[in-house]
Amino acid sequence: MALTTLDLRGLKCPLPVFRTRKALKTLKPGDRLEVHCTDPLAVIDIPNLIRETGDRVEILNRDDNGIVFQIEKLS
């Protein structure tokens, strides 16, 4: 199981979703992707993306500095 960190702070919609989707394609089942975003729409867009891909997402942190997601690649 590998952990990859993706720093998307400062990027606006739709770039965080596009870059997260691209990074997910490089992962193997069981790998995790930690995504750091500042775009407030990411709290809606990233979970919607993960519902489409069938993976698992968890919000690790959400504050004035941004949002941190951890995504587990399932298949």
PDB file of N, CA and C in Angstrom:
ATOM      1  N   MET A   1       0.844  -1.177   0.000  1.00  0.00           N
ATOM      2  CA  MET A   1       0.000   0.000   0.000  1.00  0.00           C
ATOM      3  C   MET A   1       0.893   1.244   0.000  1.00  0.00           C
ATOM      4  N   ALA A   2       0.707   2.080  -0.997  1.00  0.00           N
ATOM      5  CA  ALA A   2       1.493   3.307  -1.121  1.00  0.00           C
ATOM      6  C   ALA A   2       0.607   4.516  -0.837  1.00  0.00           C
ATOM      7  N   LEU A   3       1.222   5.572  -0.319  1.00  0.00           N
ATOM      8  CA  LEU A   3       0.515   6.829  -0.088  1.00  0.00           C
ATOM      9  C   LEU A   3       1.143   7.889  -0.982  1.00  0.00           C
ATOM     10  N   THR A   4       0.316   8.517  -1.808  1.00  0.00           N
ATOM     11  CA  THR A   4       0.750   9.592  -2.694  1.00  0.00           C
ATOM     12  C   THR A   4       0.063  10.868  -2.244  1.00  0.00           C
ATOM     13  N   THR A   5       0.797  11.966  -2.208  1.00  0.00           N
ATOM     14  CA  THR A   5       0.222  13.249  -1.829  1.00  0.00           C
ATOM     15  C   THR A   5       0.126  14.131  -3.066  1.00  0.00           C
ATOM     16  N   LEU A   6      -1.034  14.755  -3.215  1.00  0.00           N
ATOM     17  CA  LEU A   6      -1.295  15.621  -4.358  1.00  0.00           C
ATOM     18  C   LEU A   6      -1.627  17.014  -3.821  1.00  0.00           C
ATOM     19  N   ASP A   7      -0.771  17.988  -4.104  1.00  0.00           N
ATOM     20  CA  ASP A   7      -0.967  19.357  -3.617  1.00  0.00           C
ATOM     21  C   ASP A   7      -1.669  20.177  -4.701  1.00  0.00           C
ATOM     22  N   LEU A   8      -2.947  20.418  -4.501  1.00  0.00           N
ATOM     23  CA  LEU A   8      -3.747  21.171  -5.476  1.00  0.00           C
ATOM     24  C   LEU A   8      -4.185  22.519  -4.913  1.00  0.00           C
ATOM     25  N   ARG A   9      -3.496  22.982  -3.891  1.00  0.00           N
ATOM     26  CA  ARG A   9      -3.841  24.278  -3.287  1.00  0.00           C
ATOM     27  C   ARG A   9      -3.639  25.386  -4.308  1.00  0.00           C
ATOM     28  N   GLY A  10      -4.607  26.289  -4.352  1.00  0.00           N
ATOM     29  CA  GLY A  10      -4.549  27.409  -5.276  1.00  0.00           C
ATOM     30  C   GLY A  10      -5.234  27.155  -6.606  1.00  0.00           C
ATOM     31  N   LEU A  11      -5.561  25.909  -6.910  1.00  0.00           N
ATOM     32  CA  LEU A  11      -6.240  25.592  -8.173  1.00  0.00           C
ATOM     33  C   LEU A  11      -7.749  25.706  -8.004  1.00  0.00           C
ATOM     34  N   LYS A  12      -8.412  26.179  -9.021  1.00  0.00           N
ATOM     35  CA  LYS A  12      -9.863  26.347  -9.010  1.00  0.00           C
ATOM     36  C   LYS A  12     -10.534  25.291  -9.878  1.00  0.00           C
ATOM     37  N   CYS A  13     -11.790  25.058  -9.599  1.00  0.00           N
ATOM     38  CA  CYS A  13     -12.633  24.121 -10.340  1.00  0.00           C
ATOM     39  C   CYS A  13     -12.530  24.438 -11.841  1.00  0.00           C
ATOM     40  N   PRO A  14     -12.337  23.455 -12.661  1.00  0.00           N
ATOM     41  CA  PRO A  14     -12.417  22.007 -12.451  1.00  0.00           C
ATOM     42  C   PRO A  14     -11.054  21.321 -12.285  1.00  0.00           C
ATOM     43  N   LEU A  15      -9.965  22.086 -12.163  1.00  0.00           N
ATOM     44  CA  LEU A  15      -8.629  21.480 -12.141  1.00  0.00           C
ATOM     45  C   LEU A  15      -8.412  20.473 -11.007  1.00  0.00           C
ATOM     46  N   PRO A  16      -8.876  20.723  -9.763  1.00  0.00           N
ATOM     47  CA  PRO A  16      -8.662  19.703  -8.725  1.00  0.00           C
ATOM     48  C   PRO A  16      -9.271  18.345  -9.088  1.00  0.00           C
ATOM     49  N   VAL A  17     -10.450  18.339  -9.686  1.00  0.00           N
ATOM     50  CA  VAL A  17     -11.090  17.074 -10.067  1.00  0.00           C
ATOM     51  C   VAL A  17     -10.311  16.416 -11.204  1.00  0.00           C
ATOM     52  N   PHE A  18      -9.918  17.173 -12.206  1.00  0.00           N
ATOM     53  CA  PHE A  18      -9.168  16.605 -13.332  1.00  0.00           C
ATOM     54  C   PHE A  18      -7.856  15.978 -12.857  1.00  0.00           C
ATOM     55  N   ARG A  19      -7.134  16.683 -12.004  1.00  0.00           N
ATOM     56  CA  ARG A  19      -5.833  16.178 -11.549  1.00  0.00           C
ATOM     57  C   ARG A  19      -5.986  15.001 -10.587  1.00  0.00           C
ATOM     58  N   THR A  20      -7.050  15.014  -9.784  1.00  0.00           N
ATOM     59  CA  THR A  20      -7.311  13.873  -8.905  1.00  0.00           C
ATOM     60  C   THR A  20      -7.645  12.640  -9.728  1.00  0.00           C
ATOM     61  N   ARG A  21      -8.487  12.798 -10.743  1.00  0.00           N
ATOM     62  CA  ARG A  21      -8.848  11.670 -11.618  1.00  0.00           C
ATOM     63  C   ARG A  21      -7.593  11.088 -12.295  1.00  0.00           C
ATOM     64  N   LYS A  22      -6.734  11.971 -12.785  1.00  0.00           N
ATOM     65  CA  LYS A  22      -5.506  11.527 -13.453  1.00  0.00           C
ATOM     66  C   LYS A  22      -4.601  10.767 -12.479  1.00  0.00           C
ATOM     67  N   ALA A  23      -4.471  11.261 -11.253  1.00  0.00           N
ATOM     68  CA  ALA A  23      -3.625  10.601 -10.256  1.00  0.00           C
ATOM     69  C   ALA A  23      -4.198   9.243  -9.864  1.00  0.00           C
ATOM     70  N   LEU A  24      -5.515   9.138  -9.769  1.00  0.00           N
ATOM     71  CA  LEU A  24      -6.149   7.865  -9.406  1.00  0.00           C
ATOM     72  C   LEU A  24      -5.850   6.776 -10.437  1.00  0.00           C
ATOM     73  N   LYS A  25      -5.724   7.154 -11.687  1.00  0.00           N
ATOM     74  CA  LYS A  25      -5.458   6.174 -12.742  1.00  0.00           C
ATOM     75  C   LYS A  25      -4.091   5.517 -12.588  1.00  0.00           C
ATOM     76  N   THR A  26      -3.184   6.147 -11.871  1.00  0.00           N
ATOM     77  CA  THR A  26      -1.837   5.601 -11.703  1.00  0.00           C
ATOM     78  C   THR A  26      -1.728   4.692 -10.479  1.00  0.00           C
ATOM     79  N   LEU A  27      -2.768   4.653  -9.645  1.00  0.00           N
ATOM     80  CA  LEU A  27      -2.714   3.879  -8.402  1.00  0.00           C
ATOM     81  C   LEU A  27      -3.163   2.445  -8.593  1.00  0.00           C
ATOM     82  N   LYS A  28      -2.695   1.607  -7.690  1.00  0.00           N
ATOM     83  CA  LYS A  28      -3.109   0.203  -7.653  1.00  0.00           C
ATOM     84  C   LYS A  28      -4.120   0.035  -6.519  1.00  0.00           C
ATOM     85  N   PRO A  29      -4.968  -0.986  -6.584  1.00  0.00           N
ATOM     86  CA  PRO A  29      -5.911  -1.233  -5.482  1.00  0.00           C
ATOM     87  C   PRO A  29      -5.178  -1.314  -4.140  1.00  0.00           C
ATOM     88  N   GLY A  30      -5.741  -0.622  -3.157  1.00  0.00           N
ATOM     89  CA  GLY A  30      -5.140  -0.566  -1.827  1.00  0.00           C
ATOM     90  C   GLY A  30      -4.287   0.671  -1.606  1.00  0.00           C
ATOM     91  N   ASP A  31      -3.840   1.321  -2.676  1.00  0.00           N
ATOM     92  CA  ASP A  31      -3.063   2.550  -2.547  1.00  0.00           C
ATOM     93  C   ASP A  31      -3.964   3.683  -2.078  1.00  0.00           C
ATOM     94  N   ARG A  32      -3.336   4.677  -1.471  1.00  0.00           N
ATOM     95  CA  ARG A  32      -4.071   5.842  -0.985  1.00  0.00           C
ATOM     96  C   ARG A  32      -3.523   7.115  -1.629  1.00  0.00           C
ATOM     97  N   LEU A  33      -4.437   8.052  -1.823  1.00  0.00           N
ATOM     98  CA  LEU A  33      -4.094   9.351  -2.392  1.00  0.00           C
ATOM     99  C   LEU A  33      -4.569  10.414  -1.415  1.00  0.00           C
ATOM    100  N   GLU A  34      -3.637  11.249  -0.956  1.00  0.00           N
ATOM    101  CA  GLU A  34      -3.988  12.354  -0.073  1.00  0.00           C
ATOM    102  C   GLU A  34      -4.011  13.619  -0.921  1.00  0.00           C
ATOM    103  N   VAL A  35      -5.155  14.295  -0.959  1.00  0.00           N
ATOM    104  CA  VAL A  35      -5.357  15.451  -1.824  1.00  0.00           C
ATOM    105  C   VAL A  35      -5.576  16.695  -0.964  1.00  0.00           C
ATOM    106  N   HIS A  36      -4.754  17.709  -1.190  1.00  0.00           N
ATOM    107  CA  HIS A  36      -4.860  18.981  -0.471  1.00  0.00           C
ATOM    108  C   HIS A  36      -5.435  20.028  -1.428  1.00  0.00           C
ATOM    109  N   CYS A  37      -6.566  20.629  -1.063  1.00  0.00           N
ATOM    110  CA  CYS A  37      -7.253  21.613  -1.920  1.00  0.00           C
ATOM    111  C   CYS A  37      -7.609  22.864  -1.123  1.00  0.00           C
ATOM    112  N   THR A  38      -7.701  23.981  -1.835  1.00  0.00           N
ATOM    113  CA  THR A  38      -8.219  25.205  -1.232  1.00  0.00           C
ATOM    114  C   THR A  38      -9.519  25.651  -1.898  1.00  0.00           C
ATOM    115  N   ASP A  39      -9.862  25.069  -3.012  1.00  0.00           N
ATOM    116  CA  ASP A  39     -11.102  25.422  -3.711  1.00  0.00           C
ATOM    117  C   ASP A  39     -12.301  24.942  -2.887  1.00  0.00           C
ATOM    118  N   PRO A  40     -13.184  25.849  -2.447  1.00  0.00           N
ATOM    119  CA  PRO A  40     -14.323  25.439  -1.626  1.00  0.00           C
ATOM    120  C   PRO A  40     -15.258  24.452  -2.331  1.00  0.00           C
ATOM    121  N   LEU A  41     -15.294  24.460  -3.652  1.00  0.00           N
ATOM    122  CA  LEU A  41     -16.152  23.522  -4.375  1.00  0.00           C
ATOM    123  C   LEU A  41     -15.611  22.097  -4.347  1.00  0.00           C
ATOM    124  N   ALA A  42     -14.354  21.926  -3.968  1.00  0.00           N
ATOM    125  CA  ALA A  42     -13.760  20.585  -3.920  1.00  0.00           C
ATOM    126  C   ALA A  42     -14.490  19.688  -2.930  1.00  0.00           C
ATOM    127  N   VAL A  43     -15.067  20.271  -1.889  1.00  0.00           N
ATOM    128  CA  VAL A  43     -15.788  19.468  -0.895  1.00  0.00           C
ATOM    129  C   VAL A  43     -17.009  18.781  -1.512  1.00  0.00           C
ATOM    130  N   ILE A  44     -17.487  19.295  -2.616  1.00  0.00           N
ATOM    131  CA  ILE A  44     -18.594  18.682  -3.361  1.00  0.00           C
ATOM    132  C   ILE A  44     -18.039  17.852  -4.525  1.00  0.00           C
ATOM    133  N   ASP A  45     -17.108  18.450  -5.263  1.00  0.00           N
ATOM    134  CA  ASP A  45     -16.626  17.835  -6.510  1.00  0.00           C
ATOM    135  C   ASP A  45     -15.810  16.560  -6.310  1.00  0.00           C
ATOM    136  N   ILE A  46     -14.912  16.545  -5.339  1.00  0.00           N
ATOM    137  CA  ILE A  46     -14.060  15.359  -5.135  1.00  0.00           C
ATOM    138  C   ILE A  46     -14.907  14.163  -4.687  1.00  0.00           C
ATOM    139  N   PRO A  47     -15.787  14.300  -3.689  1.00  0.00           N
ATOM    140  CA  PRO A  47     -16.636  13.148  -3.345  1.00  0.00           C
ATOM    141  C   PRO A  47     -17.511  12.670  -4.505  1.00  0.00           C
ATOM    142  N   ASN A  48     -18.003  13.594  -5.336  1.00  0.00           N
ATOM    143  CA  ASN A  48     -18.781  13.178  -6.513  1.00  0.00           C
ATOM    144  C   ASN A  48     -17.923  12.360  -7.480  1.00  0.00           C
ATOM    145  N   LEU A  49     -16.695  12.781  -7.693  1.00  0.00           N
ATOM    146  CA  LEU A  49     -15.770  12.030  -8.534  1.00  0.00           C
ATOM    147  C   LEU A  49     -15.562  10.624  -7.970  1.00  0.00           C
ATOM    148  N   ILE A  50     -15.368  10.528  -6.682  1.00  0.00           N
ATOM    149  CA  ILE A  50     -15.083   9.235  -6.062  1.00  0.00           C
ATOM    150  C   ILE A  50     -16.308   8.320  -6.115  1.00  0.00           C
ATOM    151  N   ARG A  51     -17.491   8.873  -6.051  1.00  0.00           N
ATOM    152  CA  ARG A  51     -18.701   8.052  -6.239  1.00  0.00           C
ATOM    153  C   ARG A  51     -18.707   7.460  -7.648  1.00  0.00           C
ATOM    154  N   GLU A  52     -18.265   8.235  -8.618  1.00  0.00           N
ATOM    155  CA  GLU A  52     -18.199   7.740 -10.004  1.00  0.00           C
ATOM    156  C   GLU A  52     -17.163   6.631 -10.166  1.00  0.00           C
ATOM    157  N   THR A  53     -16.012   6.779  -9.510  1.00  0.00           N
ATOM    158  CA  THR A  53     -14.931   5.811  -9.691  1.00  0.00           C
ATOM    159  C   THR A  53     -15.124   4.560  -8.841  1.00  0.00           C
ATOM    160  N   GLY A  54     -15.974   4.651  -7.817  1.00  0.00           N
ATOM    161  CA  GLY A  54     -16.207   3.492  -6.960  1.00  0.00           C
ATOM    162  C   GLY A  54     -15.152   3.308  -5.886  1.00  0.00           C
ATOM    163  N   ASP A  55     -14.343   4.318  -5.644  1.00  0.00           N
ATOM    164  CA  ASP A  55     -13.323   4.247  -4.606  1.00  0.00           C
ATOM    165  C   ASP A  55     -13.899   4.783  -3.295  1.00  0.00           C
ATOM    166  N   ARG A  56     -13.043   4.973  -2.294  1.00  0.00           N
ATOM    167  CA  ARG A  56     -13.495   5.436  -0.978  1.00  0.00           C
ATOM    168  C   ARG A  56     -12.803   6.752  -0.645  1.00  0.00           C
ATOM    169  N   VAL A  57     -13.566   7.718  -0.130  1.00  0.00           N
ATOM    170  CA  VAL A  57     -12.987   9.015   0.229  1.00  0.00           C
ATOM    171  C   VAL A  57     -13.372   9.369   1.658  1.00  0.00           C
ATOM    172  N   GLU A  58     -12.444  10.062   2.312  1.00  0.00           N
ATOM    173  CA  GLU A  58     -12.658  10.539   3.669  1.00  0.00           C
ATOM    174  C   GLU A  58     -12.065  11.943   3.748  1.00  0.00           C
ATOM    175  N   ILE A  59     -12.777  12.849   4.406  1.00  0.00           N
ATOM    176  CA  ILE A  59     -12.232  14.194   4.626  1.00  0.00           C
ATOM    177  C   ILE A  59     -11.447  14.148   5.935  1.00  0.00           C
ATOM    178  N   LEU A  60     -10.134  14.339   5.834  1.00  0.00           N
ATOM    179  CA  LEU A  60      -9.284  14.292   7.023  1.00  0.00           C
ATOM    180  C   LEU A  60      -9.279  15.610   7.769  1.00  0.00           C
ATOM    181  N   ASN A  61      -9.360  16.697   7.013  1.00  0.00           N
ATOM    182  CA  ASN A  61      -9.293  18.016   7.632  1.00  0.00           C
ATOM    183  C   ASN A  61     -10.019  19.024   6.752  1.00  0.00           C
ATOM    184  N   ARG A  62     -10.734  19.922   7.400  1.00  0.00           N
ATOM    185  CA  ARG A  62     -11.402  21.008   6.677  1.00  0.00           C
ATOM    186  C   ARG A  62     -11.381  22.225   7.579  1.00  0.00           C
ATOM    187  N   ASP A  63     -10.641  23.251   7.159  1.00  0.00           N
ATOM    188  CA  ASP A  63     -10.547  24.482   7.931  1.00  0.00           C
ATOM    189  C   ASP A  63     -10.298  25.662   6.997  1.00  0.00           C
ATOM    190  N   ASP A  64      -9.908  26.790   7.560  1.00  0.00           N
ATOM    191  CA  ASP A  64      -9.680  27.991   6.749  1.00  0.00           C
ATOM    192  C   ASP A  64      -8.515  27.841   5.778  1.00  0.00           C
ATOM    193  N   ASN A  65      -7.636  26.870   6.021  1.00  0.00           N
ATOM    194  CA  ASN A  65      -6.481  26.646   5.145  1.00  0.00           C
ATOM    195  C   ASN A  65      -6.789  25.712   3.987  1.00  0.00           C
ATOM    196  N   GLY A  66      -7.970  25.097   3.985  1.00  0.00           N
ATOM    197  CA  GLY A  66      -8.333  24.209   2.890  1.00  0.00           C
ATOM    198  C   GLY A  66      -8.931  22.901   3.356  1.00  0.00           C
ATOM    199  N   ILE A  67      -8.912  21.945   2.475  1.00  0.00           N
ATOM    200  CA  ILE A  67      -9.521  20.642   2.705  1.00  0.00           C
ATOM    201  C   ILE A  67      -8.483  19.573   2.370  1.00  0.00           C
ATOM    202  N   VAL A  68      -8.417  18.545   3.204  1.00  0.00           N
ATOM    203  CA  VAL A  68      -7.530  17.413   2.947  1.00  0.00           C
ATOM    204  C   VAL A  68      -8.403  16.163   2.841  1.00  0.00           C
ATOM    205  N   PHE A  69      -8.328  15.516   1.680  1.00  0.00           N
ATOM    206  CA  PHE A  69      -9.053  14.271   1.439  1.00  0.00           C
ATOM    207  C   PHE A  69      -8.064  13.118   1.464  1.00  0.00           C
ATOM    208  N   GLN A  70      -8.517  11.978   1.925  1.00  0.00           N
ATOM    209  CA  GLN A  70      -7.754  10.750   1.719  1.00  0.00           C
ATOM    210  C   GLN A  70      -8.636   9.798   0.950  1.00  0.00           C
ATOM    211  N   ILE A  71      -8.118   9.358  -0.192  1.00  0.00           N
ATOM    212  CA  ILE A  71      -8.868   8.486  -1.094  1.00  0.00           C
ATOM    213  C   ILE A  71      -8.170   7.136  -1.146  1.00  0.00           C
ATOM    214  N   GLU A  72      -8.947   6.082  -0.980  1.00  0.00           N
ATOM    215  CA  GLU A  72      -8.413   4.728  -1.105  1.00  0.00           C
ATOM    216  C   GLU A  72      -8.874   4.141  -2.439  1.00  0.00           C
ATOM    217  N   LYS A  73      -7.920   3.709  -3.223  1.00  0.00           N
ATOM    218  CA  LYS A  73      -8.219   3.076  -4.509  1.00  0.00           C
ATOM    219  C   LYS A  73      -8.714   1.655  -4.238  1.00  0.00           C
ATOM    220  N   LEU A  74      -9.945   1.359  -4.663  1.00  0.00           N
ATOM    221  CA  LEU A  74     -10.527   0.043  -4.391  1.00  0.00           C
ATOM    222  C   LEU A  74     -10.383  -0.920  -5.555  1.00  0.00           C
ATOM    223  N   SER A  75     -10.464  -0.422  -6.775  1.00  0.00           N
ATOM    224  CA  SER A  75     -10.362  -1.351  -7.912  1.00  0.00           C
ATOM    225  C   SER A  75      -9.645  -0.715  -9.071  1.00  0.00           C
TER     226      SER A  75
END
